[in-house]
Amino acid sequence: MRQMYRRFPEALAPHLATLFRLFREDEVPVLVHCVVGKDRTGFTVAVILRALGVAVEVVMADYLLSSRIRTMADADRRAATARIVQYITERPASEKMVDAILDARPEYLNAALDAVKERYGSMQDYLRTCAGLNERAICEMRERWLESR
């Protein structure tokens, strides 16, 4: 799972400019989804939240809410996940493997965020390089979408 998450920054990169254009041009609401709704979606939402200046700890807490998927997964979903794992790995899937796939764990999102830092230097540099968001654009987005308290 960590290896998969490390690939998310590059996988999302071609879509970042479009995603942030929607927010900048008020083309909202925006629906971000994937099959289970925690991996690619979790990373994408983490990037959006970080662009808005949300603290890493808060982003992580939001992502970890997705761990409910594992506890809510019924027998059919677990069996389907096991079949997919068996197909990909060509060996039976253990309960531990199924749990790892259905769970949201800090080390997963941290792997993606670490990859951003290693490849781009920072989230700001990632957003600038891949989404075309300079400091001014980020400030404008924050002014538009954040409520002051």
C-alpha atoms as a PDB file:
ATOM      1  CA  MET A   1       0.000   0.000   0.000  1.00  0.00           C
ATOM      2  CA  ARG A   2       2.830   2.404   0.791  1.00  0.00           C
ATOM      3  CA  GLN A   3       4.403   1.756  -2.604  1.00  0.00           C
ATOM      4  CA  MET A   4       1.080   2.415  -4.301  1.00  0.00           C
ATOM      5  CA  TYR A   5       0.620   5.671  -2.369  1.00  0.00           C
ATOM      6  CA  ARG A   6       4.126   6.809  -3.354  1.00  0.00           C
ATOM      7  CA  ARG A   7       2.922   6.759  -6.984  1.00  0.00           C
ATOM      8  CA  PHE A   8      -0.098   9.002  -6.331  1.00  0.00           C
ATOM      9  CA  PRO A   9       1.685  12.370  -6.700  1.00  0.00           C
ATOM     10  CA  GLU A  10       2.745  11.528 -10.258  1.00  0.00           C
ATOM     11  CA  ALA A  11      -0.584   9.889 -11.091  1.00  0.00           C
ATOM     12  CA  LEU A  12      -2.522  12.963  -9.926  1.00  0.00           C
ATOM     13  CA  ALA A  13      -0.148  15.511 -11.458  1.00  0.00           C
ATOM     14  CA  PRO A  14      -1.751  15.588 -14.949  1.00  0.00           C
ATOM     15  CA  HIS A  15      -5.140  16.356 -13.377  1.00  0.00           C
ATOM     16  CA  LEU A  16      -4.123  19.023 -10.868  1.00  0.00           C
ATOM     17  CA  ALA A  17      -4.430  22.025 -13.180  1.00  0.00           C
ATOM     18  CA  THR A  18      -7.971  21.017 -14.143  1.00  0.00           C
ATOM     19  CA  LEU A  19      -8.952  20.272 -10.551  1.00  0.00           C
ATOM     20  CA  PHE A  20      -7.772  23.618  -9.243  1.00  0.00           C
ATOM     21  CA  ARG A  21      -9.184  25.494 -12.244  1.00  0.00           C
ATOM     22  CA  LEU A  22     -12.611  24.274 -11.141  1.00  0.00           C
ATOM     23  CA  PHE A  23     -12.127  25.853  -7.726  1.00  0.00           C
ATOM     24  CA  ARG A  24     -10.583  29.034  -9.096  1.00  0.00           C
ATOM     25  CA  GLU A  25     -13.388  29.539 -11.638  1.00  0.00           C
ATOM     26  CA  ASP A  26     -16.161  28.696  -9.163  1.00  0.00           C
ATOM     27  CA  GLU A  27     -17.124  25.502 -10.995  1.00  0.00           C
ATOM     28  CA  VAL A  28     -18.306  23.910  -7.778  1.00  0.00           C
ATOM     29  CA  PRO A  29     -19.296  21.685  -6.163  1.00  0.00           C
ATOM     30  CA  VAL A  30     -16.542  19.291  -7.224  1.00  0.00           C
ATOM     31  CA  LEU A  31     -16.910  15.547  -6.787  1.00  0.00           C
ATOM     32  CA  VAL A  32     -13.684  13.623  -6.160  1.00  0.00           C
ATOM     33  CA  HIS A  33     -14.088   9.867  -6.072  1.00  0.00           C
ATOM     34  CA  CYS A  34     -12.523   6.492  -6.783  1.00  0.00           C
ATOM     35  CA  VAL A  35     -13.607   2.877  -6.323  1.00  0.00           C
ATOM     36  CA  VAL A  36     -13.354   2.692  -2.536  1.00  0.00           C
ATOM     37  CA  GLY A  37     -12.999   6.408  -1.847  1.00  0.00           C
ATOM     38  CA  LYS A  38      -9.988   6.461   0.433  1.00  0.00           C
ATOM     39  CA  ASP A  39      -6.774   6.022  -1.538  1.00  0.00           C
ATOM     40  CA  ARG A  40      -6.647   8.228  -4.646  1.00  0.00           C
ATOM     41  CA  THR A  41      -9.509  10.282  -3.247  1.00  0.00           C
ATOM     42  CA  GLY A  42      -7.791  10.595   0.118  1.00  0.00           C
ATOM     43  CA  PHE A  43      -4.588  11.854  -1.456  1.00  0.00           C
ATOM     44  CA  THR A  44      -6.428  14.247  -3.768  1.00  0.00           C
ATOM     45  CA  VAL A  45      -8.418  15.731  -0.898  1.00  0.00           C
ATOM     46  CA  ALA A  46      -5.216  15.974   1.160  1.00  0.00           C
ATOM     47  CA  VAL A  47      -3.620  18.010  -1.658  1.00  0.00           C
ATOM     48  CA  ILE A  48      -6.658  20.314  -1.825  1.00  0.00           C
ATOM     49  CA  LEU A  49      -6.644  20.809   1.933  1.00  0.00           C
ATOM     50  CA  ARG A  50      -2.893  21.468   2.010  1.00  0.00           C
ATOM     51  CA  ALA A  51      -3.290  24.004  -0.823  1.00  0.00           C
ATOM     52  CA  LEU A  52      -5.816  25.767   1.378  1.00  0.00           C
ATOM     53  CA  GLY A  53      -3.277  25.816   4.221  1.00  0.00           C
ATOM     54  CA  VAL A  54      -4.895  23.183   6.417  1.00  0.00           C
ATOM     55  CA  ALA A  55      -2.398  21.774   8.923  1.00  0.00           C
ATOM     56  CA  VAL A  56      -0.954  18.346   8.152  1.00  0.00           C
ATOM     57  CA  GLU A  57      -2.344  16.969  11.430  1.00  0.00           C
ATOM     58  CA  VAL A  58      -5.866  18.037  10.483  1.00  0.00           C
ATOM     59  CA  VAL A  59      -5.457  16.616   6.973  1.00  0.00           C
ATOM     60  CA  MET A  60      -4.348  13.314   8.486  1.00  0.00           C
ATOM     61  CA  ALA A  61      -7.287  13.236  10.900  1.00  0.00           C
ATOM     62  CA  ASP A  62      -9.649  13.823   7.961  1.00  0.00           C
ATOM     63  CA  TYR A  63      -8.009  11.046   5.928  1.00  0.00           C
ATOM     64  CA  LEU A  64      -8.184   8.601   8.847  1.00  0.00           C
ATOM     65  CA  LEU A  65     -11.966   8.960   8.933  1.00  0.00           C
ATOM     66  CA  SER A  66     -11.832   6.712   5.862  1.00  0.00           C
ATOM     67  CA  SER A  67     -10.667   3.831   8.043  1.00  0.00           C
ATOM     68  CA  ARG A  68     -14.364   3.270   8.730  1.00  0.00           C
ATOM     69  CA  ILE A  69     -14.512   1.559   5.334  1.00  0.00           C
ATOM     70  CA  ARG A  70     -12.669  -1.441   6.745  1.00  0.00           C
ATOM     71  CA  THR A  71     -14.954  -1.775   9.732  1.00  0.00           C
ATOM     72  CA  MET A  72     -18.080  -1.220   7.637  1.00  0.00           C
ATOM     73  CA  ALA A  73     -17.105  -3.647   4.880  1.00  0.00           C
ATOM     74  CA  ASP A  74     -19.565  -6.489   4.735  1.00  0.00           C
ATOM     75  CA  ALA A  75     -18.661 -10.073   3.905  1.00  0.00           C
ATOM     76  CA  ASP A  76     -19.380  -9.559   0.194  1.00  0.00           C
ATOM     77  CA  ARG A  77     -17.012  -6.578  -0.092  1.00  0.00           C
ATOM     78  CA  ARG A  78     -14.301  -8.395   1.853  1.00  0.00           C
ATOM     79  CA  ALA A  79     -14.727 -11.471  -0.371  1.00  0.00           C
ATOM     80  CA  ALA A  80     -14.561  -9.340  -3.523  1.00  0.00           C
ATOM     81  CA  THR A  81     -11.398  -7.647  -2.246  1.00  0.00           C
ATOM     82  CA  ALA A  82      -9.876 -11.038  -1.456  1.00  0.00           C
ATOM     83  CA  ARG A  83     -10.648 -12.257  -4.994  1.00  0.00           C
ATOM     84  CA  ILE A  84      -8.969  -9.207  -6.505  1.00  0.00           C
ATOM     85  CA  VAL A  85      -5.904  -9.681  -4.315  1.00  0.00           C
ATOM     86  CA  GLN A  86      -5.740 -13.345  -5.244  1.00  0.00           C
ATOM     87  CA  TYR A  87      -6.043 -12.497  -8.933  1.00  0.00           C
ATOM     88  CA  ILE A  88      -3.242  -9.921  -8.735  1.00  0.00           C
ATOM     89  CA  THR A  89      -0.878 -11.853  -6.456  1.00  0.00           C
ATOM     90  CA  GLU A  90      -1.790 -15.346  -7.638  1.00  0.00           C
ATOM     91  CA  ARG A  91      -2.053 -16.539  -4.036  1.00  0.00           C
ATOM     92  CA  PRO A  92      -4.855 -16.632  -1.480  1.00  0.00           C
ATOM     93  CA  ALA A  93      -5.507 -13.371   0.341  1.00  0.00           C
ATOM     94  CA  SER A  94      -5.332 -13.454   4.108  1.00  0.00           C
ATOM     95  CA  GLU A  95      -7.655 -11.437   6.346  1.00  0.00           C
ATOM     96  CA  LYS A  96      -4.643  -9.292   7.210  1.00  0.00           C
ATOM     97  CA  MET A  97      -4.102  -8.479   3.523  1.00  0.00           C
ATOM     98  CA  VAL A  98      -7.763  -7.570   3.043  1.00  0.00           C
ATOM     99  CA  ASP A  99      -7.653  -5.371   6.143  1.00  0.00           C
ATOM    100  CA  ALA A 100      -4.549  -3.604   4.828  1.00  0.00           C
ATOM    101  CA  ILE A 101      -6.267  -2.831   1.542  1.00  0.00           C
ATOM    102  CA  LEU A 102      -9.538  -1.661   3.056  1.00  0.00           C
ATOM    103  CA  ASP A 103      -7.917   0.380   5.813  1.00  0.00           C
ATOM    104  CA  ALA A 104      -6.697   3.978   5.845  1.00  0.00           C
ATOM    105  CA  ARG A 105      -3.458   4.160   7.802  1.00  0.00           C
ATOM    106  CA  PRO A 106      -1.202   7.115   8.559  1.00  0.00           C
ATOM    107  CA  GLU A 107       1.771   5.416   6.932  1.00  0.00           C
ATOM    108  CA  TYR A 108      -0.142   5.238   3.636  1.00  0.00           C
ATOM    109  CA  LEU A 109      -0.845   8.963   3.319  1.00  0.00           C
ATOM    110  CA  ASN A 110       2.566   9.775   4.773  1.00  0.00           C
ATOM    111  CA  ALA A 111       4.162   7.740   1.971  1.00  0.00           C
ATOM    112  CA  ALA A 112       2.447   9.954  -0.633  1.00  0.00           C
ATOM    113  CA  LEU A 113       3.277  13.167   1.208  1.00  0.00           C
ATOM    114  CA  ASP A 114       6.892  12.035   1.635  1.00  0.00           C
ATOM    115  CA  ALA A 115       7.069  11.344  -2.113  1.00  0.00           C
ATOM    116  CA  VAL A 116       5.860  14.893  -2.802  1.00  0.00           C
ATOM    117  CA  LYS A 117       8.559  16.295  -0.527  1.00  0.00           C
ATOM    118  CA  GLU A 118      11.292  14.078  -2.036  1.00  0.00           C
ATOM    119  CA  ARG A 119      10.386  14.811  -5.661  1.00  0.00           C
ATOM    120  CA  TYR A 120       9.297  18.457  -5.445  1.00  0.00           C
ATOM    121  CA  GLY A 121      10.731  19.807  -2.193  1.00  0.00           C
ATOM    122  CA  SER A 122       7.388  20.841  -0.721  1.00  0.00           C
ATOM    123  CA  MET A 123       3.639  20.780  -1.330  1.00  0.00           C
ATOM    124  CA  GLN A 124       3.891  24.416  -2.508  1.00  0.00           C
ATOM    125  CA  ASP A 125       6.453  23.406  -5.132  1.00  0.00           C
ATOM    126  CA  TYR A 126       4.300  20.434  -6.171  1.00  0.00           C
ATOM    127  CA  LEU A 127       1.312  22.734  -6.643  1.00  0.00           C
ATOM    128  CA  ARG A 128       3.395  25.272  -8.541  1.00  0.00           C
ATOM    129  CA  THR A 129       5.003  22.673 -10.801  1.00  0.00           C
ATOM    130  CA  CYS A 130       2.019  20.406 -11.471  1.00  0.00           C
ATOM    131  CA  ALA A 131      -1.006  22.677 -11.048  1.00  0.00           C
ATOM    132  CA  GLY A 132       0.491  25.977 -12.123  1.00  0.00           C
ATOM    133  CA  LEU A 133      -0.478  27.548  -8.803  1.00  0.00           C
ATOM    134  CA  ASN A 134       1.840  30.347  -7.760  1.00  0.00           C
ATOM    135  CA  GLU A 135       1.654  32.011  -4.351  1.00  0.00           C
ATOM    136  CA  ARG A 136      -0.831  34.603  -5.581  1.00  0.00           C
ATOM    137  CA  ALA A 137      -3.190  31.945  -6.969  1.00  0.00           C
ATOM    138  CA  ILE A 138      -3.027  29.999  -3.723  1.00  0.00           C
ATOM    139  CA  CYS A 139      -3.739  33.155  -1.692  1.00  0.00           C
ATOM    140  CA  GLU A 140      -6.711  33.951  -3.921  1.00  0.00           C
ATOM    141  CA  MET A 141      -8.066  30.441  -3.459  1.00  0.00           C
ATOM    142  CA  ARG A 142      -7.685  30.673   0.293  1.00  0.00           C
ATOM    143  CA  GLU A 143      -9.453  34.039   0.362  1.00  0.00           C
ATOM    144  CA  ARG A 144     -12.285  32.645  -1.728  1.00  0.00           C
ATOM    145  CA  TRP A 145     -12.814  29.286  -0.010  1.00  0.00           C
ATOM    146  CA  LEU A 146     -11.818  29.771   3.618  1.00  0.00           C
ATOM    147  CA  GLU A 147     -14.060  31.284   6.203  1.00  0.00           C
ATOM    148  CA  SER A 148     -12.319  33.500   8.728  1.00  0.00           C
ATOM    149  CA  ARG A 149     -13.072  32.915  12.395  1.00  0.00           C
END
